[in-house]
């Protein structure tokens, strides 16, 4: 099951590389996944549920749901930067603009999973772990994504700018051929 999760993360990364035309932006967005895993494992521990097939399916579902938060934030940030804003201004405006849709979609999923998590319907006892994984992961990732993803974006953007300004030594194969 772990290999399936790693495959899903890899496929999501590859699709995002094509979408963003960058290797760095999807990498930043993938930082929202560990934030979701922390909350999911914490929710399983608090509710005394185990890692079973349903909870692992919940982790794979959470992968897509949690990544949505980072995508909404980064996509709008990049749109603002292409419109002429500085990265810092773009991150602040994107955070203020996208907090409402991120919170609304996450709360909808959290409240939608509560009946399954509380096992109020027949046969829901087996799916309780999946529901708690989704609820815990969405709560922590929603809160932390709005803070950590912008910080990482600014840090990686600053690093990228410093690397662009650095003078790299010129290398030529013609010079090597003339010495022989």
C-alpha atoms as a PDB file:
ATOM      1  CA  UNK A   1       0.000   0.000   0.000  1.00  0.00           C
ATOM      2  CA  UNK A   2       2.926   2.342   0.677  1.00  0.00           C
ATOM      3  CA  UNK A   3       4.167   1.775  -2.879  1.00  0.00           C
ATOM      4  CA  UNK A   4       0.725   2.736  -4.202  1.00  0.00           C
ATOM      5  CA  UNK A   5       0.853   5.949  -2.177  1.00  0.00           C
ATOM      6  CA  UNK A   6       4.347   6.768  -3.451  1.00  0.00           C
ATOM      7  CA  UNK A   7       3.193   6.067  -7.011  1.00  0.00           C
ATOM      8  CA  UNK A   8       0.203   8.391  -6.585  1.00  0.00           C
ATOM      9  CA  UNK A   9       2.425  11.164  -5.221  1.00  0.00           C
ATOM     10  CA  UNK A  10       4.886  10.695  -8.093  1.00  0.00           C
ATOM     11  CA  UNK A  11       2.129  10.809 -10.698  1.00  0.00           C
ATOM     12  CA  UNK A  12       0.623  13.931  -9.139  1.00  0.00           C
ATOM     13  CA  UNK A  13       4.077  15.558  -9.158  1.00  0.00           C
ATOM     14  CA  UNK A  14       4.623  14.682 -12.832  1.00  0.00           C
ATOM     15  CA  UNK A  15       1.254  16.119 -13.852  1.00  0.00           C
ATOM     16  CA  UNK A  16       1.975  19.300 -11.898  1.00  0.00           C
ATOM     17  CA  UNK A  17       5.411  19.681 -13.502  1.00  0.00           C
ATOM     18  CA  UNK A  18       3.693  19.722 -16.890  1.00  0.00           C
ATOM     19  CA  UNK A  19       0.941  22.056 -15.641  1.00  0.00           C
ATOM     20  CA  UNK A  20       3.271  24.605 -14.014  1.00  0.00           C
ATOM     21  CA  UNK A  21       6.135  24.118 -16.508  1.00  0.00           C
ATOM     22  CA  UNK A  22       8.462  24.071 -13.523  1.00  0.00           C
ATOM     23  CA  UNK A  23      10.054  21.469 -11.285  1.00  0.00           C
ATOM     24  CA  UNK A  24      10.192  23.755  -8.249  1.00  0.00           C
ATOM     25  CA  UNK A  25       6.573  24.915  -7.905  1.00  0.00           C
ATOM     26  CA  UNK A  26       5.075  21.392  -7.663  1.00  0.00           C
ATOM     27  CA  UNK A  27       7.820  20.501  -5.189  1.00  0.00           C
ATOM     28  CA  UNK A  28       6.724  23.401  -2.962  1.00  0.00           C
ATOM     29  CA  UNK A  29       3.102  22.327  -3.308  1.00  0.00           C
ATOM     30  CA  UNK A  30       3.939  18.784  -2.221  1.00  0.00           C
ATOM     31  CA  UNK A  31       5.036  20.154   1.171  1.00  0.00           C
ATOM     32  CA  UNK A  32       1.355  20.311   2.090  1.00  0.00           C
ATOM     33  CA  UNK A  33       1.233  16.493   2.114  1.00  0.00           C
ATOM     34  CA  UNK A  34       3.347  15.932   5.253  1.00  0.00           C
ATOM     35  CA  UNK A  35       1.190  18.504   7.012  1.00  0.00           C
ATOM     36  CA  UNK A  36      -1.841  16.383   6.228  1.00  0.00           C
ATOM     37  CA  UNK A  37      -0.124  13.151   7.273  1.00  0.00           C
ATOM     38  CA  UNK A  38       0.679  14.622  10.683  1.00  0.00           C
ATOM     39  CA  UNK A  39      -2.970  15.467  11.334  1.00  0.00           C
ATOM     40  CA  UNK A  40      -4.207  12.150   9.961  1.00  0.00           C
ATOM     41  CA  UNK A  41      -1.917  10.080  12.176  1.00  0.00           C
ATOM     42  CA  UNK A  42      -2.791  12.264  15.161  1.00  0.00           C
ATOM     43  CA  UNK A  43      -6.533  11.779  14.501  1.00  0.00           C
ATOM     44  CA  UNK A  44      -6.063   8.007  14.256  1.00  0.00           C
ATOM     45  CA  UNK A  45      -4.134   7.990  17.542  1.00  0.00           C
ATOM     46  CA  UNK A  46      -6.696  10.111  19.401  1.00  0.00           C
ATOM     47  CA  UNK A  47      -9.636   7.997  18.203  1.00  0.00           C
ATOM     48  CA  UNK A  48      -7.701   4.745  18.760  1.00  0.00           C
ATOM     49  CA  UNK A  49      -8.186   3.565  15.208  1.00  0.00           C
ATOM     50  CA  UNK A  50      -5.670   1.409  13.376  1.00  0.00           C
ATOM     51  CA  UNK A  51      -3.896   1.643  10.070  1.00  0.00           C
ATOM     52  CA  UNK A  52      -5.978  -0.698   7.943  1.00  0.00           C
ATOM     53  CA  UNK A  53      -7.021  -0.887   4.309  1.00  0.00           C
ATOM     54  CA  UNK A  54      -9.707   1.781   4.720  1.00  0.00           C
ATOM     55  CA  UNK A  55      -7.394   4.221   6.494  1.00  0.00           C
ATOM     56  CA  UNK A  56      -4.764   3.719   3.767  1.00  0.00           C
ATOM     57  CA  UNK A  57      -7.418   4.520   1.156  1.00  0.00           C
ATOM     58  CA  UNK A  58      -8.136   7.608   3.252  1.00  0.00           C
ATOM     59  CA  UNK A  59      -4.467   8.616   3.004  1.00  0.00           C
ATOM     60  CA  UNK A  60      -4.607   8.366  -0.802  1.00  0.00           C
ATOM     61  CA  UNK A  61      -7.824  10.403  -0.887  1.00  0.00           C
ATOM     62  CA  UNK A  62      -6.289  12.920   1.487  1.00  0.00           C
ATOM     63  CA  UNK A  63      -3.333  13.278  -0.892  1.00  0.00           C
ATOM     64  CA  UNK A  64      -5.592  14.804  -3.530  1.00  0.00           C
ATOM     65  CA  UNK A  65      -7.708  16.864  -1.160  1.00  0.00           C
ATOM     66  CA  UNK A  66      -4.787  18.334   0.771  1.00  0.00           C
ATOM     67  CA  UNK A  67      -2.864  19.144  -2.388  1.00  0.00           C
ATOM     68  CA  UNK A  68      -5.814  21.222  -3.597  1.00  0.00           C
ATOM     69  CA  UNK A  69      -5.107  23.822  -0.902  1.00  0.00           C
ATOM     70  CA  UNK A  70      -1.538  24.313  -2.046  1.00  0.00           C
ATOM     71  CA  UNK A  71      -2.602  24.397  -5.684  1.00  0.00           C
ATOM     72  CA  UNK A  72      -5.183  27.121  -5.089  1.00  0.00           C
ATOM     73  CA  UNK A  73      -2.658  29.229  -3.224  1.00  0.00           C
ATOM     74  CA  UNK A  74       0.302  28.776  -5.564  1.00  0.00           C
ATOM     75  CA  UNK A  75      -1.674  29.128  -8.780  1.00  0.00           C
ATOM     76  CA  UNK A  76      -3.084  32.496  -7.767  1.00  0.00           C
ATOM     77  CA  UNK A  77       0.316  33.617  -6.461  1.00  0.00           C
ATOM     78  CA  UNK A  78       1.938  32.837  -9.820  1.00  0.00           C
ATOM     79  CA  UNK A  79      -0.884  34.636 -11.639  1.00  0.00           C
ATOM     80  CA  UNK A  80      -0.293  37.753  -9.530  1.00  0.00           C
ATOM     81  CA  UNK A  81       3.471  37.592 -10.101  1.00  0.00           C
ATOM     82  CA  UNK A  82       2.957  37.349 -13.863  1.00  0.00           C
ATOM     83  CA  UNK A  83       0.717  40.418 -13.510  1.00  0.00           C
ATOM     84  CA  UNK A  84       3.641  42.429 -12.155  1.00  0.00           C
ATOM     85  CA  UNK A  85       3.441  42.053  -8.378  1.00  0.00           C
ATOM     86  CA  UNK A  86       6.479  41.226  -6.301  1.00  0.00           C
ATOM     87  CA  UNK A  87       6.543  37.703  -4.852  1.00  0.00           C
ATOM     88  CA  UNK A  88       5.919  39.004  -1.321  1.00  0.00           C
ATOM     89  CA  UNK A  89       2.927  41.125  -2.381  1.00  0.00           C
ATOM     90  CA  UNK A  90       1.571  38.237  -4.459  1.00  0.00           C
ATOM     91  CA  UNK A  91       1.817  35.755  -1.571  1.00  0.00           C
ATOM     92  CA  UNK A  92       0.032  38.107   0.827  1.00  0.00           C
ATOM     93  CA  UNK A  93      -2.764  38.915  -1.627  1.00  0.00           C
ATOM     94  CA  UNK A  94      -3.158  35.258  -2.659  1.00  0.00           C
ATOM     95  CA  UNK A  95      -3.415  34.209   0.979  1.00  0.00           C
ATOM     96  CA  UNK A  96      -6.070  36.796   1.739  1.00  0.00           C
ATOM     97  CA  UNK A  97      -8.023  36.051  -1.432  1.00  0.00           C
ATOM     98  CA  UNK A  98      -7.852  32.247  -1.327  1.00  0.00           C
ATOM     99  CA  UNK A  99      -8.421  31.689   2.405  1.00  0.00           C
ATOM    100  CA  UNK A 100     -12.191  31.644   1.967  1.00  0.00           C
ATOM    101  CA  UNK A 101     -12.408  29.034  -0.856  1.00  0.00           C
ATOM    102  CA  UNK A 102      -9.803  26.868   0.880  1.00  0.00           C
ATOM    103  CA  UNK A 103     -11.668  27.012   4.184  1.00  0.00           C
ATOM    104  CA  UNK A 104     -15.055  26.391   2.565  1.00  0.00           C
ATOM    105  CA  UNK A 105     -13.978  23.318   0.598  1.00  0.00           C
ATOM    106  CA  UNK A 106     -12.083  21.858   3.545  1.00  0.00           C
ATOM    107  CA  UNK A 107     -14.939  22.430   6.002  1.00  0.00           C
ATOM    108  CA  UNK A 108     -17.392  20.893   3.548  1.00  0.00           C
ATOM    109  CA  UNK A 109     -15.325  17.718   3.366  1.00  0.00           C
ATOM    110  CA  UNK A 110     -14.722  17.630   7.128  1.00  0.00           C
ATOM    111  CA  UNK A 111     -18.414  17.970   7.967  1.00  0.00           C
ATOM    112  CA  UNK A 112     -19.301  15.552   5.185  1.00  0.00           C
ATOM    113  CA  UNK A 113     -17.069  12.882   6.735  1.00  0.00           C
ATOM    114  CA  UNK A 114     -18.389  13.327  10.299  1.00  0.00           C
ATOM    115  CA  UNK A 115     -21.308  10.879   9.956  1.00  0.00           C
ATOM    116  CA  UNK A 116     -18.907   8.199   8.734  1.00  0.00           C
ATOM    117  CA  UNK A 117     -16.342   9.034  11.422  1.00  0.00           C
ATOM    118  CA  UNK A 118     -18.968   8.800  14.163  1.00  0.00           C
ATOM    119  CA  UNK A 119     -20.312   5.556  12.626  1.00  0.00           C
ATOM    120  CA  UNK A 120     -23.925   6.702  12.782  1.00  0.00           C
ATOM    121  CA  UNK A 121     -24.972   4.745   9.694  1.00  0.00           C
ATOM    122  CA  UNK A 122     -25.118   0.981   9.267  1.00  0.00           C
ATOM    123  CA  UNK A 123     -21.882  -0.624   8.125  1.00  0.00           C
ATOM    124  CA  UNK A 124     -19.861   2.540   8.737  1.00  0.00           C
ATOM    125  CA  UNK A 125     -17.751   0.895  11.449  1.00  0.00           C
ATOM    126  CA  UNK A 126     -15.264  -0.367   8.860  1.00  0.00           C
ATOM    127  CA  UNK A 127     -14.832   3.038   7.233  1.00  0.00           C
ATOM    128  CA  UNK A 128     -14.296   4.973  10.451  1.00  0.00           C
ATOM    129  CA  UNK A 129     -10.500   4.987  10.018  1.00  0.00           C
ATOM    130  CA  UNK A 130     -10.764   6.453   6.528  1.00  0.00           C
ATOM    131  CA  UNK A 131     -13.007   9.248   7.779  1.00  0.00           C
ATOM    132  CA  UNK A 132     -10.718  10.164  10.680  1.00  0.00           C
ATOM    133  CA  UNK A 133      -7.692  10.198   8.361  1.00  0.00           C
ATOM    134  CA  UNK A 134      -9.478  12.662   6.089  1.00  0.00           C
ATOM    135  CA  UNK A 135     -10.758  14.832   8.934  1.00  0.00           C
ATOM    136  CA  UNK A 136      -7.414  15.030  10.760  1.00  0.00           C
ATOM    137  CA  UNK A 137      -5.431  15.553   7.585  1.00  0.00           C
ATOM    138  CA  UNK A 138      -7.697  18.280   6.281  1.00  0.00           C
ATOM    139  CA  UNK A 139      -7.743  20.185   9.558  1.00  0.00           C
ATOM    140  CA  UNK A 140      -3.961  20.354   9.946  1.00  0.00           C
ATOM    141  CA  UNK A 141      -3.182  20.877   6.291  1.00  0.00           C
ATOM    142  CA  UNK A 142      -5.734  23.670   5.925  1.00  0.00           C
ATOM    143  CA  UNK A 143      -4.291  25.568   8.866  1.00  0.00           C
ATOM    144  CA  UNK A 144      -0.614  24.938   8.135  1.00  0.00           C
ATOM    145  CA  UNK A 145      -0.774  25.226   4.339  1.00  0.00           C
ATOM    146  CA  UNK A 146      -1.858  28.846   4.599  1.00  0.00           C
ATOM    147  CA  UNK A 147       1.295  29.568   6.610  1.00  0.00           C
ATOM    148  CA  UNK A 148       4.026  27.179   5.485  1.00  0.00           C
ATOM    149  CA  UNK A 149       3.468  27.115   1.710  1.00  0.00           C
ATOM    150  CA  UNK A 150       3.833  30.927   1.347  1.00  0.00           C
ATOM    151  CA  UNK A 151       6.968  30.870   3.513  1.00  0.00           C
ATOM    152  CA  UNK A 152       8.484  28.071   1.426  1.00  0.00           C
ATOM    153  CA  UNK A 153       7.505  29.828  -1.791  1.00  0.00           C
ATOM    154  CA  UNK A 154       9.283  33.008  -0.733  1.00  0.00           C
ATOM    155  CA  UNK A 155      12.333  31.083   0.500  1.00  0.00           C
ATOM    156  CA  UNK A 156      12.700  29.062  -2.707  1.00  0.00           C
ATOM    157  CA  UNK A 157      12.030  32.153  -4.832  1.00  0.00           C
ATOM    158  CA  UNK A 158      14.766  34.029  -2.978  1.00  0.00           C
ATOM    159  CA  UNK A 159      17.161  31.105  -3.425  1.00  0.00           C
ATOM    160  CA  UNK A 160      16.329  30.908  -7.124  1.00  0.00           C
ATOM    161  CA  UNK A 161      17.011  34.645  -7.530  1.00  0.00           C
ATOM    162  CA  UNK A 162      20.358  34.356  -5.724  1.00  0.00           C
ATOM    163  CA  UNK A 163      21.389  31.451  -7.941  1.00  0.00           C
ATOM    164  CA  UNK A 164      20.452  33.427 -11.065  1.00  0.00           C
ATOM    165  CA  UNK A 165      22.607  36.371  -9.961  1.00  0.00           C
ATOM    166  CA  UNK A 166      25.639  34.236  -9.175  1.00  0.00           C
ATOM    167  CA  UNK A 167      28.286  34.276 -11.881  1.00  0.00           C
ATOM    168  CA  UNK A 168      28.934  30.714 -12.943  1.00  0.00           C
ATOM    169  CA  UNK A 169      32.321  29.935 -14.541  1.00  0.00           C
ATOM    170  CA  UNK A 170      32.265  29.643 -18.310  1.00  0.00           C
ATOM    171  CA  UNK A 171      33.155  26.217 -19.622  1.00  0.00           C
ATOM    172  CA  UNK A 172      33.984  25.427 -23.185  1.00  0.00           C
ATOM    173  CA  UNK A 173      34.846  22.156 -24.875  1.00  0.00           C
ATOM    174  CA  UNK A 174      36.940  24.040 -27.487  1.00  0.00           C
ATOM    175  CA  UNK A 175      39.534  24.923 -24.847  1.00  0.00           C
ATOM    176  CA  UNK A 176      39.801  21.286 -23.800  1.00  0.00           C
ATOM    177  CA  UNK A 177      40.258  20.139 -27.412  1.00  0.00           C
ATOM    178  CA  UNK A 178      43.043  22.647 -28.094  1.00  0.00           C
ATOM    179  CA  UNK A 179      45.155  21.372 -25.203  1.00  0.00           C
ATOM    180  CA  UNK A 180      45.354  17.819 -26.556  1.00  0.00           C
END
